C-alpha cells in the first residue's frame, strides 16, 4: 500500500476546504508513472503463454545475446 506521507503529498483545496488537487515531488511523480507503465504492460501481456527460465536461456544462447552463457 502506498503511504501518502512518505510520498510527500500536498493538497490544494477550494474556498470551502474541499480537496481539488494533489502536488507531488517530481521524482515521486516519475516513479508513479513508471509503475503505471509497468502495470499497463503486464495487463497487455496477461494472456501470453509463459516461457520457462531454461527455455528463455536457450533462446538467448541461440540468438547469441551477451550474458546468455553460463
Protein backbone atom coordinates (compact mmCIF):
# COMPACT_ATOMS: atom_id res chain seq x y z
CA UNK A 1 0.00 0.00 0.00
CA UNK A 2 1.19 3.49 -0.78
CA UNK A 3 1.93 5.70 2.21
CA UNK A 4 0.91 9.23 1.24
CA UNK A 5 3.09 10.77 3.94
CA UNK A 6 6.16 9.03 2.51
CA UNK A 7 5.28 10.36 -0.96
CA UNK A 8 5.38 13.93 0.28
CA UNK A 9 1.87 14.61 -1.00
CA UNK A 10 0.41 18.08 -0.62
CA UNK A 11 -3.16 19.01 -1.43
CA UNK A 12 -4.70 22.07 -2.98
CA UNK A 13 -8.24 22.97 -1.99
CA UNK A 14 -11.03 25.32 -2.93
CA UNK A 15 -12.51 28.11 -0.82
CA UNK A 16 -14.66 25.65 1.14
CA UNK A 17 -11.67 23.46 2.03
CA UNK A 18 -12.61 20.68 -0.42
CA UNK A 19 -9.52 18.96 -1.80
CA UNK A 20 -9.25 19.66 -5.53
CA UNK A 21 -5.73 18.61 -6.45
CA UNK A 22 -2.52 16.95 -5.40
CA UNK A 23 1.08 18.17 -5.56
CA UNK A 24 3.87 15.57 -5.62
CA UNK A 25 7.63 15.90 -5.71
CA UNK A 26 8.64 15.37 -9.36
CA UNK A 27 10.68 12.25 -8.59
CA UNK A 28 7.70 10.62 -6.88
CA UNK A 29 5.53 11.53 -9.86
CA UNK A 30 8.02 9.95 -12.28
CA UNK A 31 8.19 6.78 -10.19
CA UNK A 32 4.40 6.52 -10.12
CA UNK A 33 4.27 6.97 -13.91
CA UNK A 34 6.86 4.23 -14.33
CA UNK A 35 4.80 1.92 -12.10
CA UNK A 36 1.68 2.66 -14.16
CA UNK A 37 3.55 1.88 -17.38
CA UNK A 38 4.76 -1.42 -15.91
CA UNK A 39 1.22 -2.33 -14.87
CA UNK A 40 -0.10 -1.48 -18.35
CA UNK A 41 2.48 -3.81 -19.94
CA UNK A 42 1.51 -6.58 -17.53
CA UNK A 43 -2.16 -6.13 -18.36
CA UNK A 44 -1.45 -6.20 -22.12
CA UNK A 45 0.60 -9.40 -21.80
CA UNK A 46 -1.51 -11.31 -19.28
CA UNK A 47 -2.82 -13.75 -21.89
CA UNK A 48 0.57 -14.54 -23.40
CA UNK A 49 1.94 -18.01 -22.75
CA UNK A 50 4.68 -18.33 -20.19
CA UNK A 51 8.23 -19.48 -21.00
CA UNK A 52 10.40 -21.42 -18.61
CA UNK A 53 13.66 -19.91 -17.46
CA UNK A 54 15.60 -22.68 -19.20
CA UNK A 55 13.74 -22.09 -22.48
CA UNK A 56 14.49 -18.38 -22.26
CA UNK A 57 18.19 -19.03 -21.65
CA UNK A 58 18.27 -21.44 -24.61
CA UNK A 59 16.66 -18.82 -26.84
CA UNK A 60 19.13 -16.15 -25.73
CA UNK A 61 22.03 -18.50 -26.44
CA UNK A 62 20.65 -19.29 -29.92
CA UNK A 63 20.35 -15.57 -30.62
CA UNK A 64 23.91 -15.02 -29.38
CA UNK A 65 22.95 -12.31 -26.93
CA UNK A 66 25.61 -11.23 -24.42
CA UNK A 67 25.30 -12.60 -20.92
CA UNK A 68 23.32 -15.61 -22.09
CA UNK A 69 26.13 -18.08 -21.50
CA UNK A 70 26.75 -19.94 -18.28
